[in-house]
Amino acid sequence: MPLKRRAEKARHHKISPQARAIWASGRKEMIVLHPDGSGLVCDPELAIELGLPQFVTMPNMRALADELSN
């Protein structure tokens, strides 16, 4: 019987050094987080470096923000 995996567990964010540098600058609003953990990337440079669409709501953006902060 095949194993079922949750789609969320399989997602891993690829964070480049350039994306970490953009995040560390912290001079502008880059990610909008909602209370439920969803959110969107507002910064075009950060979106390009992360390979994510800009201004599209994603369900687990809090995990990405935590990864960028580490």
C-alpha atoms as a PDB file:
ATOM      1  CA  MET A   1       0.000   0.000   0.000  1.00  0.00           C
ATOM      2  CA  PRO A   2       1.491   3.401  -0.942  1.00  0.00           C
ATOM      3  CA  LEU A   3       2.310   5.884   1.765  1.00  0.00           C
ATOM      4  CA  LYS A   4       0.399   9.150   1.766  1.00  0.00           C
ATOM      5  CA  ARG A   5       2.337  12.250   2.605  1.00  0.00           C
ATOM      6  CA  ARG A   6       0.981  15.597   3.529  1.00  0.00           C
ATOM      7  CA  ALA A   7       1.772  18.166   0.865  1.00  0.00           C
ATOM      8  CA  GLU A   8       2.900  20.677   3.467  1.00  0.00           C
ATOM      9  CA  LYS A   9       5.577  18.337   4.841  1.00  0.00           C
ATOM     10  CA  ALA A  10       7.115  17.965   1.391  1.00  0.00           C
ATOM     11  CA  ARG A  11       7.515  21.722   0.905  1.00  0.00           C
ATOM     12  CA  HIS A  12      10.936  23.086   1.653  1.00  0.00           C
ATOM     13  CA  HIS A  13      11.838  26.677   0.969  1.00  0.00           C
ATOM     14  CA  LYS A  14      15.037  27.318  -0.950  1.00  0.00           C
ATOM     15  CA  ILE A  15      16.518  30.391   0.668  1.00  0.00           C
ATOM     16  CA  SER A  16      19.493  31.865  -1.175  1.00  0.00           C
ATOM     17  CA  PRO A  17      22.167  34.002   0.487  1.00  0.00           C
ATOM     18  CA  GLN A  18      20.851  36.973  -1.518  1.00  0.00           C
ATOM     19  CA  ALA A  19      17.357  36.407  -0.072  1.00  0.00           C
ATOM     20  CA  ARG A  20      18.808  36.353   3.452  1.00  0.00           C
ATOM     21  CA  ALA A  21      20.670  39.605   2.732  1.00  0.00           C
ATOM     22  CA  ILE A  22      17.474  41.278   1.486  1.00  0.00           C
ATOM     23  CA  TRP A  23      15.595  40.048   4.577  1.00  0.00           C
ATOM     24  CA  ALA A  24      18.370  41.206   6.921  1.00  0.00           C
ATOM     25  CA  SER A  25      18.252  44.741   5.508  1.00  0.00           C
ATOM     26  CA  GLY A  26      14.761  45.071   7.028  1.00  0.00           C
ATOM     27  CA  ARG A  27      14.189  48.594   5.718  1.00  0.00           C
ATOM     28  CA  LYS A  28      10.803  47.972   4.131  1.00  0.00           C
ATOM     29  CA  GLU A  29       7.734  45.766   4.348  1.00  0.00           C
ATOM     30  CA  MET A  30       8.605  42.444   2.724  1.00  0.00           C
ATOM     31  CA  ILE A  31       6.081  39.866   3.955  1.00  0.00           C
ATOM     32  CA  VAL A  32       2.512  40.378   5.127  1.00  0.00           C
ATOM     33  CA  LEU A  33       1.436  37.788   7.720  1.00  0.00           C
ATOM     34  CA  HIS A  34      -2.179  37.107   8.683  1.00  0.00           C
ATOM     35  CA  PRO A  35      -3.146  35.796  12.148  1.00  0.00           C
ATOM     36  CA  ASP A  36      -3.781  32.289  10.757  1.00  0.00           C
ATOM     37  CA  GLY A  37      -0.172  32.000   9.497  1.00  0.00           C
ATOM     38  CA  SER A  38      -0.928  32.643   5.849  1.00  0.00           C
ATOM     39  CA  GLY A  39       0.620  35.588   4.080  1.00  0.00           C
ATOM     40  CA  LEU A  40       2.189  36.996   0.959  1.00  0.00           C
ATOM     41  CA  VAL A  41       5.482  38.394  -0.281  1.00  0.00           C
ATOM     42  CA  CYS A  42       5.241  42.131  -1.077  1.00  0.00           C
ATOM     43  CA  ASP A  43       8.858  42.826  -2.007  1.00  0.00           C
ATOM     44  CA  PRO A  44       9.644  42.100  -5.689  1.00  0.00           C
ATOM     45  CA  GLU A  45      13.366  41.482  -5.084  1.00  0.00           C
ATOM     46  CA  LEU A  46      12.687  39.007  -2.268  1.00  0.00           C
ATOM     47  CA  ALA A  47      10.015  37.223  -4.318  1.00  0.00           C
ATOM     48  CA  ILE A  48      12.455  36.734  -7.206  1.00  0.00           C
ATOM     49  CA  GLU A  49      15.210  35.411  -4.923  1.00  0.00           C
ATOM     50  CA  LEU A  50      12.827  32.979  -3.205  1.00  0.00           C
ATOM     51  CA  GLY A  51      11.239  31.875  -6.473  1.00  0.00           C
ATOM     52  CA  LEU A  52       7.762  32.729  -5.184  1.00  0.00           C
ATOM     53  CA  PRO A  53       5.033  34.796  -6.831  1.00  0.00           C
ATOM     54  CA  GLN A  54       4.599  38.324  -5.551  1.00  0.00           C
ATOM     55  CA  PHE A  55       1.237  39.362  -4.016  1.00  0.00           C
ATOM     56  CA  VAL A  56      -0.168  35.790  -3.979  1.00  0.00           C
ATOM     57  CA  THR A  57      -1.449  34.539  -0.610  1.00  0.00           C
ATOM     58  CA  MET A  58       0.199  31.309   0.536  1.00  0.00           C
ATOM     59  CA  PRO A  59      -1.066  29.117   3.389  1.00  0.00           C
ATOM     60  CA  ASN A  60       2.095  28.764   5.513  1.00  0.00           C
ATOM     61  CA  MET A  61       4.047  31.984   5.152  1.00  0.00           C
ATOM     62  CA  ARG A  62       4.862  32.089   8.884  1.00  0.00           C
ATOM     63  CA  ALA A  63       7.178  29.076   8.433  1.00  0.00           C
ATOM     64  CA  LEU A  64       9.054  30.927   5.686  1.00  0.00           C
ATOM     65  CA  ALA A  65       9.384  34.037   7.860  1.00  0.00           C
ATOM     66  CA  ASP A  66      10.746  31.879  10.691  1.00  0.00           C
ATOM     67  CA  GLU A  67      13.273  30.246   8.333  1.00  0.00           C
ATOM     68  CA  LEU A  68      14.425  33.650   7.080  1.00  0.00           C
ATOM     69  CA  SER A  69      14.819  34.919  10.642  1.00  0.00           C
ATOM     70  CA  ASN A  70      17.114  32.065  11.674  1.00  0.00           C
END
